[in-house]
Amino acid sequence: MNGLEAVPLAAELTQKERVRRALCREPVDRIPTQCNYTALMGHMLAGYFKIPFGDLPARLDNHVGDHEGAFIYSGGPTAHDHSPS
């Protein structure tokens, strides 16, 4: 075995277990993902997917964030910051 073969798992892993196993270099059923975004980009993505903003982390299948927006970068411009000077 060269380490690249798929290892069958009894059931689909939870997101938390998938991340833990990946960090420990143990077999996982699929690669955990995380997509961070600014508030403005999050609203644009939600519009693109035609979903509520709060549903975006689940739609992106984020594994590290808490699905409550904890990993949304708020240091950049928001929709309210684009007023004429």
C-alpha atoms as a PDB file:
ATOM      1  CA  MET A   1       0.000   0.000   0.000  1.00  0.00           C
ATOM      2  CA  ASN A   2       1.487   3.387  -0.993  1.00  0.00           C
ATOM      3  CA  GLY A   3      -0.760   5.509   1.245  1.00  0.00           C
ATOM      4  CA  LEU A   4      -2.849   6.803  -1.651  1.00  0.00           C
ATOM      5  CA  GLU A   5      -5.497   4.087  -1.692  1.00  0.00           C
ATOM      6  CA  ALA A   6      -8.983   4.951  -0.477  1.00  0.00           C
ATOM      7  CA  VAL A   7      -9.760   3.580   2.944  1.00  0.00           C
ATOM      8  CA  PRO A   8     -13.399   2.547   3.336  1.00  0.00           C
ATOM      9  CA  LEU A   9     -15.108   4.055   6.373  1.00  0.00           C
ATOM     10  CA  ALA A  10     -18.140   2.595   8.115  1.00  0.00           C
ATOM     11  CA  ALA A  11     -20.174   5.814   7.849  1.00  0.00           C
ATOM     12  CA  GLU A  12     -19.783   9.417   6.757  1.00  0.00           C
ATOM     13  CA  LEU A  13     -17.746  11.371   9.278  1.00  0.00           C
ATOM     14  CA  THR A  14     -19.020  14.476  11.053  1.00  0.00           C
ATOM     15  CA  GLN A  15     -17.315  17.716  10.053  1.00  0.00           C
ATOM     16  CA  LYS A  16     -15.529  17.887  13.402  1.00  0.00           C
ATOM     17  CA  GLU A  17     -14.288  14.289  13.147  1.00  0.00           C
ATOM     18  CA  ARG A  18     -13.227  14.817   9.506  1.00  0.00           C
ATOM     19  CA  VAL A  19     -11.077  17.841  10.476  1.00  0.00           C
ATOM     20  CA  ARG A  20      -9.607  16.053  13.504  1.00  0.00           C
ATOM     21  CA  ARG A  21      -8.684  13.004  11.445  1.00  0.00           C
ATOM     22  CA  ALA A  22      -7.204  15.104   8.625  1.00  0.00           C
ATOM     23  CA  LEU A  23      -5.045  17.038  11.100  1.00  0.00           C
ATOM     24  CA  CYS A  24      -3.842  13.744  12.587  1.00  0.00           C
ATOM     25  CA  ARG A  25      -3.105  12.422   9.077  1.00  0.00           C
ATOM     26  CA  GLU A  26      -5.699   9.682   9.478  1.00  0.00           C
ATOM     27  CA  PRO A  27      -7.994   8.501   6.656  1.00  0.00           C
ATOM     28  CA  VAL A  28     -11.032  10.668   5.891  1.00  0.00           C
ATOM     29  CA  ASP A  29     -14.048  10.113   3.662  1.00  0.00           C
ATOM     30  CA  ARG A  30     -13.420  13.413   1.862  1.00  0.00           C
ATOM     31  CA  ILE A  31     -11.217  16.483   2.266  1.00  0.00           C
ATOM     32  CA  PRO A  32     -12.485  19.058   4.784  1.00  0.00           C
ATOM     33  CA  THR A  33     -12.951  22.543   3.334  1.00  0.00           C
ATOM     34  CA  GLN A  34     -13.271  26.108   4.595  1.00  0.00           C
ATOM     35  CA  CYS A  35     -14.110  29.190   2.551  1.00  0.00           C
ATOM     36  CA  ASN A  36     -13.799  32.513   4.370  1.00  0.00           C
ATOM     37  CA  TYR A  37     -15.204  35.755   2.984  1.00  0.00           C
ATOM     38  CA  THR A  38     -15.855  39.389   3.824  1.00  0.00           C
ATOM     39  CA  ALA A  39     -19.390  40.419   4.758  1.00  0.00           C
ATOM     40  CA  LEU A  40     -19.820  42.090   1.367  1.00  0.00           C
ATOM     41  CA  MET A  41     -18.611  39.031  -0.542  1.00  0.00           C
ATOM     42  CA  GLY A  42     -20.783  36.800   1.655  1.00  0.00           C
ATOM     43  CA  HIS A  43     -23.875  38.784   0.675  1.00  0.00           C
ATOM     44  CA  MET A  44     -22.832  38.605  -2.982  1.00  0.00           C
ATOM     45  CA  LEU A  45     -22.326  34.821  -2.742  1.00  0.00           C
ATOM     46  CA  ALA A  46     -25.672  34.373  -0.979  1.00  0.00           C
ATOM     47  CA  GLY A  47     -27.331  36.334  -3.792  1.00  0.00           C
ATOM     48  CA  TYR A  48     -25.597  34.215  -6.403  1.00  0.00           C
ATOM     49  CA  PHE A  49     -26.752  30.983  -4.753  1.00  0.00           C
ATOM     50  CA  LYS A  50     -30.188  32.521  -4.029  1.00  0.00           C
ATOM     51  CA  ILE A  51     -30.025  31.566  -0.356  1.00  0.00           C
ATOM     52  CA  PRO A  52     -30.255  33.535   2.909  1.00  0.00           C
ATOM     53  CA  PHE A  53     -26.920  34.927   4.108  1.00  0.00           C
ATOM     54  CA  GLY A  54     -27.082  32.763   7.260  1.00  0.00           C
ATOM     55  CA  ASP A  55     -27.233  29.578   5.147  1.00  0.00           C
ATOM     56  CA  LEU A  56     -23.993  30.357   3.296  1.00  0.00           C
ATOM     57  CA  PRO A  57     -21.511  28.451   5.551  1.00  0.00           C
ATOM     58  CA  ALA A  58     -23.557  25.254   5.201  1.00  0.00           C
ATOM     59  CA  ARG A  59     -23.919  25.768   1.419  1.00  0.00           C
ATOM     60  CA  LEU A  60     -20.139  26.154   1.120  1.00  0.00           C
ATOM     61  CA  ASP A  61     -19.688  23.042   3.307  1.00  0.00           C
ATOM     62  CA  ASN A  62     -17.407  24.915   5.697  1.00  0.00           C
ATOM     63  CA  HIS A  63     -15.765  22.637   8.258  1.00  0.00           C
ATOM     64  CA  VAL A  64     -13.844  25.009  10.521  1.00  0.00           C
ATOM     65  CA  GLY A  65     -16.324  27.857  11.100  1.00  0.00           C
ATOM     66  CA  ASP A  66     -19.172  27.433  13.534  1.00  0.00           C
ATOM     67  CA  HIS A  67     -21.848  28.083  10.877  1.00  0.00           C
ATOM     68  CA  GLU A  68     -22.769  31.240  12.778  1.00  0.00           C
ATOM     69  CA  GLY A  69     -20.528  33.557  10.779  1.00  0.00           C
ATOM     70  CA  ALA A  70     -17.574  33.422  13.172  1.00  0.00           C
ATOM     71  CA  PHE A  71     -15.090  33.227  10.323  1.00  0.00           C
ATOM     72  CA  ILE A  72     -16.475  36.067   8.245  1.00  0.00           C
ATOM     73  CA  TYR A  73     -13.729  38.656   7.900  1.00  0.00           C
ATOM     74  CA  SER A  74     -15.236  41.967   8.921  1.00  0.00           C
ATOM     75  CA  GLY A  75     -12.165  44.158   8.525  1.00  0.00           C
ATOM     76  CA  GLY A  76     -12.807  44.964   4.874  1.00  0.00           C
ATOM     77  CA  PRO A  77     -15.415  47.131   3.197  1.00  0.00           C
ATOM     78  CA  THR A  78     -19.077  46.319   3.645  1.00  0.00           C
ATOM     79  CA  ALA A  79     -22.073  47.320   1.581  1.00  0.00           C
ATOM     80  CA  HIS A  80     -22.515  50.327   3.890  1.00  0.00           C
ATOM     81  CA  ASP A  81     -18.966  51.582   3.263  1.00  0.00           C
ATOM     82  CA  HIS A  82     -19.605  52.420  -0.382  1.00  0.00           C
ATOM     83  CA  SER A  83     -21.151  55.828   0.061  1.00  0.00           C
ATOM     84  CA  PRO A  84     -20.044  58.651  -2.264  1.00  0.00           C
ATOM     85  CA  SER A  85     -17.291  60.874  -0.847  1.00  0.00           C
END
